[in-house]
Amino acid sequence: MDVHPRIENAIAQVVQEQIDTNEPPEVTETLVRLVNEGYPEPEARELIGCVVISEVFDVLKSGESFDLQRYVAALNRLPELPEAKL
């Protein structure tokens, strides 16, 4: 997926912040799991970023609040990517 560099940087910062703060802890758990499954760390972070983008899109599209359960469920499905919701 081609993403504008500024958006890509912002998503990478969100992922890093979630890892640094361990909030939610499932982000760090997912990173460790993916790396243990053989994904290089940068690729694992990109996969997590895809889930962040999907959740942001869902929130913007629906006008609902962030859904932690939906977010964690999507993290748990990685490396299967969230479905595109256009």
PDB file of N, CA and C in Angstrom:
ATOM      1  N   MET A   1       0.845  -1.166   0.000  1.00  0.00           N
ATOM      2  CA  MET A   1       0.000   0.000   0.000  1.00  0.00           C
ATOM      3  C   MET A   1       0.895   1.236   0.000  1.00  0.00           C
ATOM      4  N   ASP A   2       0.615   2.164  -0.926  1.00  0.00           N
ATOM      5  CA  ASP A   2       1.360   3.404  -0.998  1.00  0.00           C
ATOM      6  C   ASP A   2       0.717   4.419  -0.051  1.00  0.00           C
ATOM      7  N   VAL A   3       1.525   4.911   0.866  1.00  0.00           N
ATOM      8  CA  VAL A   3       1.052   5.869   1.857  1.00  0.00           C
ATOM      9  C   VAL A   3       1.959   7.097   1.787  1.00  0.00           C
ATOM     10  N   HIS A   4       1.346   8.257   1.900  1.00  0.00           N
ATOM     11  CA  HIS A   4       2.116   9.502   1.898  1.00  0.00           C
ATOM     12  C   HIS A   4       3.149   9.436   3.028  1.00  0.00           C
ATOM     13  N   PRO A   5       4.388   9.876   2.783  1.00  0.00           N
ATOM     14  CA  PRO A   5       5.434   9.783   3.807  1.00  0.00           C
ATOM     15  C   PRO A   5       5.072  10.427   5.145  1.00  0.00           C
ATOM     16  N   ARG A   6       4.337  11.526   5.128  1.00  0.00           N
ATOM     17  CA  ARG A   6       3.964  12.183   6.400  1.00  0.00           C
ATOM     18  C   ARG A   6       2.985  11.311   7.185  1.00  0.00           C
ATOM     19  N   ILE A   7       2.065  10.675   6.474  1.00  0.00           N
ATOM     20  CA  ILE A   7       1.111   9.776   7.139  1.00  0.00           C
ATOM     21  C   ILE A   7       1.841   8.547   7.647  1.00  0.00           C
ATOM     22  N   GLU A   8       2.712   8.015   6.819  1.00  0.00           N
ATOM     23  CA  GLU A   8       3.498   6.845   7.222  1.00  0.00           C
ATOM     24  C   GLU A   8       4.312   7.156   8.482  1.00  0.00           C
ATOM     25  N   ASN A   9       4.915   8.335   8.539  1.00  0.00           N
ATOM     26  CA  ASN A   9       5.691   8.747   9.707  1.00  0.00           C
ATOM     27  C   ASN A   9       4.798   8.886  10.938  1.00  0.00           C
ATOM     28  N   ALA A  10       3.610   9.479  10.760  1.00  0.00           N
ATOM     29  CA  ALA A  10       2.681   9.655  11.882  1.00  0.00           C
ATOM     30  C   ALA A  10       2.232   8.297  12.429  1.00  0.00           C
ATOM     31  N   ILE A  11       1.935   7.364  11.548  1.00  0.00           N
ATOM     32  CA  ILE A  11       1.506   6.028  11.991  1.00  0.00           C
ATOM     33  C   ILE A  11       2.659   5.328  12.709  1.00  0.00           C
ATOM     34  N   ALA A  12       3.872   5.454  12.178  1.00  0.00           N
ATOM     35  CA  ALA A  12       5.041   4.858  12.840  1.00  0.00           C
ATOM     36  C   ALA A  12       5.223   5.447  14.237  1.00  0.00           C
ATOM     37  N   GLN A  13       4.959   6.744  14.399  1.00  0.00           N
ATOM     38  CA  GLN A  13       5.063   7.379  15.710  1.00  0.00           C
ATOM     39  C   GLN A  13       4.000   6.850  16.666  1.00  0.00           C
ATOM     40  N   VAL A  14       2.791   6.616  16.157  1.00  0.00           N
ATOM     41  CA  VAL A  14       1.727   6.049  16.995  1.00  0.00           C
ATOM     42  C   VAL A  14       2.131   4.666  17.475  1.00  0.00           C
ATOM     43  N   VAL A  15       2.623   3.838  16.557  1.00  0.00           N
ATOM     44  CA  VAL A  15       3.051   2.483  16.933  1.00  0.00           C
ATOM     45  C   VAL A  15       4.173   2.561  17.965  1.00  0.00           C
ATOM     46  N   GLN A  16       5.155   3.430  17.736  1.00  0.00           N
ATOM     47  CA  GLN A  16       6.271   3.559  18.679  1.00  0.00           C
ATOM     48  C   GLN A  16       5.788   4.007  20.053  1.00  0.00           C
ATOM     49  N   GLU A  17       4.875   4.972  20.075  1.00  0.00           N
ATOM     50  CA  GLU A  17       4.332   5.463  21.355  1.00  0.00           C
ATOM     51  C   GLU A  17       3.605   4.343  22.100  1.00  0.00           C
ATOM     52  N   GLN A  18       2.854   3.542  21.370  1.00  0.00           N
ATOM     53  CA  GLN A  18       2.139   2.436  22.014  1.00  0.00           C
ATOM     54  C   GLN A  18       3.114   1.399  22.561  1.00  0.00           C
ATOM     55  N   ILE A  19       4.205   1.185  21.864  1.00  0.00           N
ATOM     56  CA  ILE A  19       5.232   0.255  22.349  1.00  0.00           C
ATOM     57  C   ILE A  19       5.941   0.859  23.562  1.00  0.00           C
ATOM     58  N   ASP A  20       6.318   2.134  23.466  1.00  0.00           N
ATOM     59  CA  ASP A  20       7.043   2.789  24.561  1.00  0.00           C
ATOM     60  C   ASP A  20       6.224   2.824  25.858  1.00  0.00           C
ATOM     61  N   THR A  21       4.929   3.065  25.724  1.00  0.00           N
ATOM     62  CA  THR A  21       4.076   3.182  26.908  1.00  0.00           C
ATOM     63  C   THR A  21       3.439   1.852  27.307  1.00  0.00           C
ATOM     64  N   ASN A  22       3.602   0.854  26.422  1.00  0.00           N
ATOM     65  CA  ASN A  22       2.979  -0.459  26.623  1.00  0.00           C
ATOM     66  C   ASN A  22       1.464  -0.317  26.796  1.00  0.00           C
ATOM     67  N   GLU A  23       0.900   0.593  26.000  1.00  0.00           N
ATOM     68  CA  GLU A  23      -0.538   0.858  26.064  1.00  0.00           C
ATOM     69  C   GLU A  23      -1.109   0.950  24.658  1.00  0.00           C
ATOM     70  N   PRO A  24      -1.868   0.045  24.224  1.00  0.00           N
ATOM     71  CA  PRO A  24      -2.242  -1.172  24.930  1.00  0.00           C
ATOM     72  C   PRO A  24      -1.114  -2.206  24.840  1.00  0.00           C
ATOM     73  N   PRO A  25      -1.003  -3.062  25.830  1.00  0.00           N
ATOM     74  CA  PRO A  25       0.094  -4.036  25.857  1.00  0.00           C
ATOM     75  C   PRO A  25       0.061  -5.018  24.688  1.00  0.00           C
ATOM     76  N   GLU A  26      -1.081  -5.173  24.071  1.00  0.00           N
ATOM     77  CA  GLU A  26      -1.198  -6.109  22.946  1.00  0.00           C
ATOM     78  C   GLU A  26      -0.360  -5.677  21.744  1.00  0.00           C
ATOM     79  N   VAL A  27      -0.035  -4.393  21.647  1.00  0.00           N
ATOM     80  CA  VAL A  27       0.816  -3.937  20.543  1.00  0.00           C
ATOM     81  C   VAL A  27       2.215  -4.525  20.695  1.00  0.00           C
ATOM     82  N   THR A  28       2.785  -4.409  21.871  1.00  0.00           N
ATOM     83  CA  THR A  28       4.113  -4.985  22.114  1.00  0.00           C
ATOM     84  C   THR A  28       4.066  -6.504  21.992  1.00  0.00           C
ATOM     85  N   GLU A  29       3.017  -7.111  22.524  1.00  0.00           N
ATOM     86  CA  GLU A  29       2.866  -8.574  22.415  1.00  0.00           C
ATOM     87  C   GLU A  29       2.796  -8.996  20.952  1.00  0.00           C
ATOM     88  N   THR A  30       2.098  -8.230  20.149  1.00  0.00           N
ATOM     89  CA  THR A  30       1.985  -8.543  18.726  1.00  0.00           C
ATOM     90  C   THR A  30       3.322  -8.381  18.028  1.00  0.00           C
ATOM     91  N   LEU A  31       4.057  -7.332  18.355  1.00  0.00           N
ATOM     92  CA  LEU A  31       5.377  -7.128  17.771  1.00  0.00           C
ATOM     93  C   LEU A  31       6.283  -8.312  18.089  1.00  0.00           C
ATOM     94  N   VAL A  32       6.318  -8.722  19.340  1.00  0.00           N
ATOM     95  CA  VAL A  32       7.163  -9.849  19.749  1.00  0.00           C
ATOM     96  C   VAL A  32       6.722 -11.123  19.020  1.00  0.00           C
ATOM     97  N   ARG A  33       5.414 -11.344  18.948  1.00  0.00           N
ATOM     98  CA  ARG A  33       4.892 -12.550  18.286  1.00  0.00           C
ATOM     99  C   ARG A  33       5.299 -12.585  16.820  1.00  0.00           C
ATOM    100  N   LEU A  34       5.112 -11.471  16.121  1.00  0.00           N
ATOM    101  CA  LEU A  34       5.442 -11.435  14.700  1.00  0.00           C
ATOM    102  C   LEU A  34       6.936 -11.637  14.459  1.00  0.00           C
ATOM    103  N   VAL A  35       7.762 -11.010  15.280  1.00  0.00           N
ATOM    104  CA  VAL A  35       9.217 -11.194  15.148  1.00  0.00           C
ATOM    105  C   VAL A  35       9.572 -12.659  15.411  1.00  0.00           C
ATOM    106  N   ASN A  36       8.956 -13.263  16.417  1.00  0.00           N
ATOM    107  CA  ASN A  36       9.209 -14.676  16.706  1.00  0.00           C
ATOM    108  C   ASN A  36       8.725 -15.589  15.583  1.00  0.00           C
ATOM    109  N   GLU A  37       7.737 -15.125  14.817  1.00  0.00           N
ATOM    110  CA  GLU A  37       7.244 -15.883  13.678  1.00  0.00           C
ATOM    111  C   GLU A  37       8.117 -15.689  12.442  1.00  0.00           C
ATOM    112  N   GLY A  38       9.151 -14.838  12.558  1.00  0.00           N
ATOM    113  CA  GLY A  38      10.098 -14.670  11.472  1.00  0.00           C
ATOM    114  C   GLY A  38       9.998 -13.372  10.689  1.00  0.00           C
ATOM    115  N   TYR A  39       9.097 -12.484  11.081  1.00  0.00           N
ATOM    116  CA  TYR A  39       9.007 -11.199  10.399  1.00  0.00           C
ATOM    117  C   TYR A  39      10.103 -10.280  10.900  1.00  0.00           C
ATOM    118  N   PRO A  40      10.800  -9.593   9.990  1.00  0.00           N
ATOM    119  CA  PRO A  40      11.758  -8.586  10.441  1.00  0.00           C
ATOM    120  C   PRO A  40      10.999  -7.511  11.226  1.00  0.00           C
ATOM    121  N   GLU A  41      11.637  -6.942  12.238  1.00  0.00           N
ATOM    122  CA  GLU A  41      10.955  -5.962  13.080  1.00  0.00           C
ATOM    123  C   GLU A  41      10.335  -4.808  12.297  1.00  0.00           C
ATOM    124  N   PRO A  42      11.043  -4.235  11.304  1.00  0.00           N
ATOM    125  CA  PRO A  42      10.400  -3.140  10.561  1.00  0.00           C
ATOM    126  C   PRO A  42       9.112  -3.592   9.860  1.00  0.00           C
ATOM    127  N   GLU A  43       9.096  -4.791   9.327  1.00  0.00           N
ATOM    128  CA  GLU A  43       7.898  -5.293   8.668  1.00  0.00           C
ATOM    129  C   GLU A  43       6.783  -5.551   9.683  1.00  0.00           C
ATOM    130  N   ALA A  44       7.138  -6.072  10.845  1.00  0.00           N
ATOM    131  CA  ALA A  44       6.151  -6.301  11.903  1.00  0.00           C
ATOM    132  C   ALA A  44       5.529  -4.981  12.336  1.00  0.00           C
ATOM    133  N   ARG A  45       6.339  -3.946  12.448  1.00  0.00           N
ATOM    134  CA  ARG A  45       5.810  -2.628  12.815  1.00  0.00           C
ATOM    135  C   ARG A  45       4.879  -2.088  11.730  1.00  0.00           C
ATOM    136  N   GLU A  46       5.215  -2.331  10.470  1.00  0.00           N
ATOM    137  CA  GLU A  46       4.344  -1.902   9.376  1.00  0.00           C
ATOM    138  C   GLU A  46       3.002  -2.623   9.428  1.00  0.00           C
ATOM    139  N   LEU A  47       3.021  -3.905   9.747  1.00  0.00           N
ATOM    140  CA  LEU A  47       1.770  -4.659   9.871  1.00  0.00           C
ATOM    141  C   LEU A  47       0.907  -4.072  10.983  1.00  0.00           C
ATOM    142  N   ILE A  48       1.530  -3.753  12.103  1.00  0.00           N
ATOM    143  CA  ILE A  48       0.795  -3.134  13.209  1.00  0.00           C
ATOM    144  C   ILE A  48       0.255  -1.777  12.751  1.00  0.00           C
ATOM    145  N   GLY A  49       1.053  -1.040  12.000  1.00  0.00           N
ATOM    146  CA  GLY A  49       0.607   0.241  11.468  1.00  0.00           C
ATOM    147  C   GLY A  49      -0.618   0.106  10.573  1.00  0.00           C
ATOM    148  N   CYS A  50      -0.718  -0.989   9.843  1.00  0.00           N
ATOM    149  CA  CYS A  50      -1.910  -1.226   9.013  1.00  0.00           C
ATOM    150  C   CYS A  50      -3.155  -1.341   9.884  1.00  0.00           C
ATOM    151  N   VAL A  51      -3.005  -1.939  11.056  1.00  0.00           N
ATOM    152  CA  VAL A  51      -4.138  -2.048  11.972  1.00  0.00           C
ATOM    153  C   VAL A  51      -4.489  -0.670  12.528  1.00  0.00           C
ATOM    154  N   VAL A  52      -3.478   0.133  12.831  1.00  0.00           N
ATOM    155  CA  VAL A  52      -3.727   1.500  13.308  1.00  0.00           C
ATOM    156  C   VAL A  52      -4.510   2.275  12.247  1.00  0.00           C
ATOM    157  N   ILE A  53      -4.067   2.208  11.000  1.00  0.00           N
ATOM    158  CA  ILE A  53      -4.743   2.919   9.920  1.00  0.00           C
ATOM    159  C   ILE A  53      -6.188   2.448   9.787  1.00  0.00           C
ATOM    160  N   SER A  54      -6.388   1.140   9.858  1.00  0.00           N
ATOM    161  CA  SER A  54      -7.736   0.586   9.744  1.00  0.00           C
ATOM    162  C   SER A  54      -8.643   1.096  10.856  1.00  0.00           C
ATOM    163  N   GLU A  55      -8.125   1.134  12.072  1.00  0.00           N
ATOM    164  CA  GLU A  55      -8.928   1.598  13.210  1.00  0.00           C
ATOM    165  C   GLU A  55      -9.237   3.094  13.077  1.00  0.00           C
ATOM    166  N   VAL A  56      -8.265   3.884  12.663  1.00  0.00           N
ATOM    167  CA  VAL A  56      -8.503   5.317  12.454  1.00  0.00           C
ATOM    168  C   VAL A  56      -9.586   5.501  11.397  1.00  0.00           C
ATOM    169  N   PHE A  57      -9.489   4.746  10.313  1.00  0.00           N
ATOM    170  CA  PHE A  57     -10.492   4.837   9.256  1.00  0.00           C
ATOM    171  C   PHE A  57     -11.874   4.482   9.794  1.00  0.00           C
ATOM    172  N   ASP A  58     -11.967   3.400  10.572  1.00  0.00           N
ATOM    173  CA  ASP A  58     -13.257   2.990  11.139  1.00  0.00           C
ATOM    174  C   ASP A  58     -13.846   4.097  12.019  1.00  0.00           C
ATOM    175  N   VAL A  59     -13.009   4.708  12.838  1.00  0.00           N
ATOM    176  CA  VAL A  59     -13.481   5.776  13.730  1.00  0.00           C
ATOM    177  C   VAL A  59     -13.968   6.974  12.918  1.00  0.00           C
ATOM    178  N   LEU A  60     -13.198   7.366  11.912  1.00  0.00           N
ATOM    179  CA  LEU A  60     -13.584   8.512  11.093  1.00  0.00           C
ATOM    180  C   LEU A  60     -14.851   8.231  10.285  1.00  0.00           C
ATOM    181  N   LYS A  61     -14.948   7.028   9.750  1.00  0.00           N
ATOM    182  CA  LYS A  61     -16.088   6.669   8.909  1.00  0.00           C
ATOM    183  C   LYS A  61     -17.378   6.566   9.721  1.00  0.00           C
ATOM    184  N   SER A  62     -17.296   5.934  10.878  1.00  0.00           N
ATOM    185  CA  SER A  62     -18.508   5.662  11.656  1.00  0.00           C
ATOM    186  C   SER A  62     -18.851   6.791  12.623  1.00  0.00           C
ATOM    187  N   GLY A  63     -17.857   7.613  12.966  1.00  0.00           N
ATOM    188  CA  GLY A  63     -18.080   8.656  13.956  1.00  0.00           C
ATOM    189  C   GLY A  63     -18.136   8.116  15.372  1.00  0.00           C
ATOM    190  N   GLU A  64     -17.848   6.825  15.514  1.00  0.00           N
ATOM    191  CA  GLU A  64     -17.844   6.190  16.839  1.00  0.00           C
ATOM    192  C   GLU A  64     -16.489   6.377  17.504  1.00  0.00           C
ATOM    193  N   SER A  65     -16.427   6.027  18.759  1.00  0.00           N
ATOM    194  CA  SER A  65     -15.181   6.095  19.516  1.00  0.00           C
ATOM    195  C   SER A  65     -14.254   4.941  19.141  1.00  0.00           C
ATOM    196  N   PHE A  66     -12.989   5.121  19.480  1.00  0.00           N
ATOM    197  CA  PHE A  66     -12.002   4.055  19.336  1.00  0.00           C
ATOM    198  C   PHE A  66     -12.517   2.808  20.044  1.00  0.00           C
ATOM    199  N   ASP A  67     -12.381   1.658  19.380  1.00  0.00           N
ATOM    200  CA  ASP A  67     -12.861   0.389  19.922  1.00  0.00           C
ATOM    201  C   ASP A  67     -11.655  -0.501  20.220  1.00  0.00           C
ATOM    202  N   LEU A  68     -11.263  -0.540  21.489  1.00  0.00           N
ATOM    203  CA  LEU A  68     -10.090  -1.313  21.886  1.00  0.00           C
ATOM    204  C   LEU A  68     -10.254  -2.785  21.549  1.00  0.00           C
ATOM    205  N   GLN A  69     -11.429  -3.344  21.761  1.00  0.00           N
ATOM    206  CA  GLN A  69     -11.639  -4.766  21.459  1.00  0.00           C
ATOM    207  C   GLN A  69     -11.448  -5.048  19.973  1.00  0.00           C
ATOM    208  N   ARG A  70     -11.976  -4.179  19.120  1.00  0.00           N
ATOM    209  CA  ARG A  70     -11.819  -4.360  17.669  1.00  0.00           C
ATOM    210  C   ARG A  70     -10.340  -4.242  17.292  1.00  0.00           C
ATOM    211  N   TYR A  71      -9.652  -3.283  17.897  1.00  0.00           N
ATOM    212  CA  TYR A  71      -8.231  -3.052  17.626  1.00  0.00           C
ATOM    213  C   TYR A  71      -7.401  -4.272  18.026  1.00  0.00           C
ATOM    214  N   VAL A  72      -7.633  -4.782  19.224  1.00  0.00           N
ATOM    215  CA  VAL A  72      -6.887  -5.949  19.714  1.00  0.00           C
ATOM    216  C   VAL A  72      -7.198  -7.174  18.860  1.00  0.00           C
ATOM    217  N   ALA A  73      -8.458  -7.342  18.480  1.00  0.00           N
ATOM    218  CA  ALA A  73      -8.823  -8.481  17.630  1.00  0.00           C
ATOM    219  C   ALA A  73      -8.073  -8.418  16.303  1.00  0.00           C
ATOM    220  N   ALA A  74      -7.951  -7.228  15.729  1.00  0.00           N
ATOM    221  CA  ALA A  74      -7.220  -7.069  14.474  1.00  0.00           C
ATOM    222  C   ALA A  74      -5.733  -7.342  14.670  1.00  0.00           C
ATOM    223  N   LEU A  75      -5.168  -6.904  15.791  1.00  0.00           N
ATOM    224  CA  LEU A  75      -3.763  -7.213  16.097  1.00  0.00           C
ATOM    225  C   LEU A  75      -3.567  -8.713  16.196  1.00  0.00           C
ATOM    226  N   ASN A  76      -4.503  -9.393  16.836  1.00  0.00           N
ATOM    227  CA  ASN A  76      -4.388 -10.838  17.022  1.00  0.00           C
ATOM    228  C   ASN A  76      -4.482 -11.606  15.710  1.00  0.00           C
ATOM    229  N   ARG A  77      -5.116 -11.009  14.698  1.00  0.00           N
ATOM    230  CA  ARG A  77      -5.238 -11.673  13.395  1.00  0.00           C
ATOM    231  C   ARG A  77      -4.004 -11.477  12.518  1.00  0.00           C
ATOM    232  N   LEU A  78      -3.133 -10.535  12.862  1.00  0.00           N
ATOM    233  CA  LEU A  78      -1.934 -10.321  12.057  1.00  0.00           C
ATOM    234  C   LEU A  78      -1.125 -11.606  11.993  1.00  0.00           C
ATOM    235  N   PRO A  79      -0.540 -11.943  10.860  1.00  0.00           N
ATOM    236  CA  PRO A  79      -0.253 -11.078   9.718  1.00  0.00           C
ATOM    237  C   PRO A  79      -1.399 -10.916   8.707  1.00  0.00           C
ATOM    238  N   GLU A  80      -2.581 -11.483   9.004  1.00  0.00           N
ATOM    239  CA  GLU A  80      -3.729 -11.219   8.146  1.00  0.00           C
ATOM    240  C   GLU A  80      -4.113  -9.751   8.302  1.00  0.00           C
ATOM    241  N   LEU A  81      -4.151  -9.043   7.208  1.00  0.00           N
ATOM    242  CA  LEU A  81      -4.424  -7.606   7.250  1.00  0.00           C
ATOM    243  C   LEU A  81      -5.922  -7.347   7.390  1.00  0.00           C
ATOM    244  N   PRO A  82      -6.268  -6.224   8.023  1.00  0.00           N
ATOM    245  CA  PRO A  82      -7.688  -5.854   8.099  1.00  0.00           C
ATOM    246  C   PRO A  82      -8.241  -5.655   6.693  1.00  0.00           C
ATOM    247  N   GLU A  83      -9.520  -5.952   6.542  1.00  0.00           N
ATOM    248  CA  GLU A  83     -10.160  -5.756   5.240  1.00  0.00           C
ATOM    249  C   GLU A  83     -10.274  -4.279   4.928  1.00  0.00           C
ATOM    250  N   ALA A  84     -10.092  -3.952   3.665  1.00  0.00           N
ATOM    251  CA  ALA A  84     -10.283  -2.576   3.231  1.00  0.00           C
ATOM    252  C   ALA A  84     -11.758  -2.250   3.306  1.00  0.00           C
ATOM    253  N   LYS A  85     -12.086  -1.120   3.901  1.00  0.00           N
ATOM    254  CA  LYS A  85     -13.478  -0.726   4.105  1.00  0.00           C
ATOM    255  C   LYS A  85     -13.732   0.594   3.401  1.00  0.00           C
ATOM    256  N   LEU A  86     -13.885   0.513   2.090  1.00  0.00           N
ATOM    257  CA  LEU A  86     -14.096   1.744   1.318  1.00  0.00           C
ATOM    258  C   LEU A  86     -15.542   2.037   1.118  1.00  0.00           C
TER     259      LEU A  86
END
